[in-house]
Protein backbone atom coordinates (compact mmCIF):
# COMPACT_ATOMS: atom_id res chain seq x y z
CA GLN A 1 92.17 129.19 65.53
CA VAL A 2 93.94 132.07 66.11
CA HIS A 3 96.56 131.63 69.35
CA LEU A 4 97.09 135.41 71.13
CA VAL A 5 99.86 136.23 73.69
CA GLU A 6 99.94 139.48 75.32
CA SER A 7 103.55 141.01 76.49
CA GLY A 8 105.02 144.43 77.74
CA GLY A 9 102.79 144.82 81.06
CA GLY A 10 104.52 145.33 84.15
CA LEU A 11 104.93 148.30 87.07
CA VAL A 12 104.92 151.63 86.18
CA GLN A 13 104.45 155.48 88.21
CA ALA A 14 101.66 157.84 87.13
CA GLY A 15 102.29 159.78 84.31
CA GLY A 16 104.41 157.17 82.50
CA SER A 17 104.61 154.96 79.60
CA LEU A 18 103.80 151.04 78.98
CA ARG A 19 103.63 149.65 75.18
CA LEU A 20 101.85 146.35 75.09
CA SER A 21 102.17 143.96 72.31
CA CYS A 22 100.15 140.65 71.01
CA ALA A 23 101.38 138.00 68.68
CA ALA A 24 99.07 136.12 66.65
CA SER A 25 99.87 132.46 65.38
CA GLY A 26 98.47 131.45 62.28
CA ARG A 27 98.46 133.11 58.81
CA THR A 28 94.91 135.10 58.95
CA PHE A 29 96.15 137.86 61.28
CA SER A 30 94.30 140.44 58.69
CA ASP A 31 90.86 138.85 58.60
CA TYR A 32 90.69 139.91 62.13
CA VAL A 33 89.44 143.50 64.10
CA MET A 34 91.73 143.64 67.00
CA GLY A 35 90.32 144.62 70.50
CA TRP A 36 92.26 145.36 73.75
CA PHE A 37 90.35 144.86 76.86
CA ARG A 38 90.91 145.08 80.18
CA GLN A 39 89.44 143.67 83.82
CA ALA A 40 90.33 145.42 87.52
CA PRO A 41 89.87 143.48 90.41
CA GLY A 42 86.03 143.22 91.27
CA LYS A 43 84.87 144.65 88.37
CA GLU A 44 83.66 143.90 84.93
CA ARG A 45 85.93 143.54 81.56
CA GLU A 46 85.85 146.61 80.19
CA PHE A 47 86.53 147.64 76.26
CA VAL A 48 89.35 149.84 76.13
CA ALA A 49 89.80 149.72 72.29
CA HIS A 50 89.94 148.54 68.66
CA ILE A 51 91.41 148.30 65.22
CA SER A 52 89.86 147.45 61.76
CA TRP A 53 91.39 144.91 59.22
CA SER A 54 93.20 147.82 57.42
CA GLY A 55 94.15 149.58 60.41
CA SER A 56 92.40 152.81 59.04
CA THR A 57 89.46 153.01 61.56
CA THR A 58 90.05 153.07 65.12
CA TYR A 59 87.71 153.33 68.27
CA TYR A 60 88.52 154.31 72.29
CA ALA A 61 86.50 154.29 75.15
CA ASP A 62 86.36 157.38 76.81
CA SER A 63 88.53 156.37 79.67
CA VAL A 64 91.34 156.40 77.59
CA ARG A 65 90.53 158.54 74.69
CA GLY A 66 93.60 160.83 73.79
CA ARG A 67 95.95 159.14 75.87
CA PHE A 68 96.12 155.79 74.45
CA THR A 69 96.65 154.30 70.22
CA ILE A 70 95.88 150.68 69.44
CA SER A 71 97.86 150.17 65.86
CA ARG A 72 98.35 146.83 63.88
CA ASP A 73 101.54 145.28 61.95
CA ASN A 74 99.70 142.62 59.95
CA ALA A 75 103.03 141.46 58.16
CA LYS A 76 104.24 140.70 61.71
CA ASN A 77 101.04 139.59 62.86
CA THR A 78 100.81 141.98 66.24
CA VAL A 79 98.76 144.78 67.28
CA TYR A 80 99.80 147.10 69.95
CA LEU A 81 98.82 149.58 72.81
CA GLN A 82 100.53 152.19 73.25
CA MET A 83 99.68 153.79 76.54
CA ASN A 84 100.73 157.29 77.96
CA SER A 85 99.84 159.69 80.98
CA LEU A 86 99.05 156.55 82.81
CA LYS A 87 96.98 156.81 85.68
CA PRO A 88 96.40 154.62 88.86
CA GLN A 89 92.92 153.85 87.70
CA ASP A 90 94.46 152.18 84.87
CA THR A 91 95.41 149.33 86.77
CA ALA A 92 93.97 146.08 85.44
CA VAL A 93 94.98 142.92 83.37
CA TYR A 94 95.08 143.72 79.89
CA TYR A 95 93.62 141.31 77.42
CA CYS A 96 93.90 141.09 73.64
CA ALA A 97 90.56 139.75 71.09
CA ALA A 98 89.98 139.49 67.85
CA SER A 99 86.66 139.73 66.12
CA ARG A 100 85.10 138.99 62.49
CA GLY A 101 83.22 142.65 62.98
CA LEU A 102 83.92 145.95 64.61
CA TYR A 103 82.60 145.43 68.02
CA MET A 104 82.67 147.10 71.47
CA SER A 105 81.53 144.35 73.69
CA TYR A 106 84.14 141.48 74.71
CA VAL A 107 80.95 138.98 73.87
CA ASN A 108 81.51 139.61 70.06
CA TYR A 109 85.09 138.35 70.34
CA ASN A 110 86.21 135.14 69.83
CA TYR A 111 89.47 134.49 70.56
CA TRP A 112 91.43 135.40 73.56
CA GLY A 113 95.08 135.86 75.46
CA GLN A 114 96.17 134.92 78.56
CA GLY A 115 96.68 138.47 79.56
CA THR A 116 99.36 141.03 80.84
CA PRO A 117 99.23 142.81 84.26
CA VAL A 118 99.54 146.44 84.18
CA THR A 119 99.99 148.56 88.03
CA VAL A 120 100.13 151.72 87.79
CA SER A 121 101.38 153.35 91.01
CA SER A 122 101.04 156.70 92.51
């Protein structure tokens, strides 16, 4: 079992930046692909980014590519999402998730955090 806890969300003005963190329990963090998803009110949960076991492979949704950066530090059991040039449409609850393969659909992720809210004002 993997327990995930997100942090770093909050209020920010359009054009600003935030860095989200996801801390994992246990000693097998490096065995998992890690992903970030988000969900806005009234909308489905959508893929944001994922990163491979080694950190060498990353993939981003078109809506965030060029603005967001995913990274991981296996020694610290932590994955990060650096968010730059934030837009009001980025407002959502952001979730960290773990999978044993490279997937973009939320249905393929085994473990989830409780989420951290991000609100971008204009």
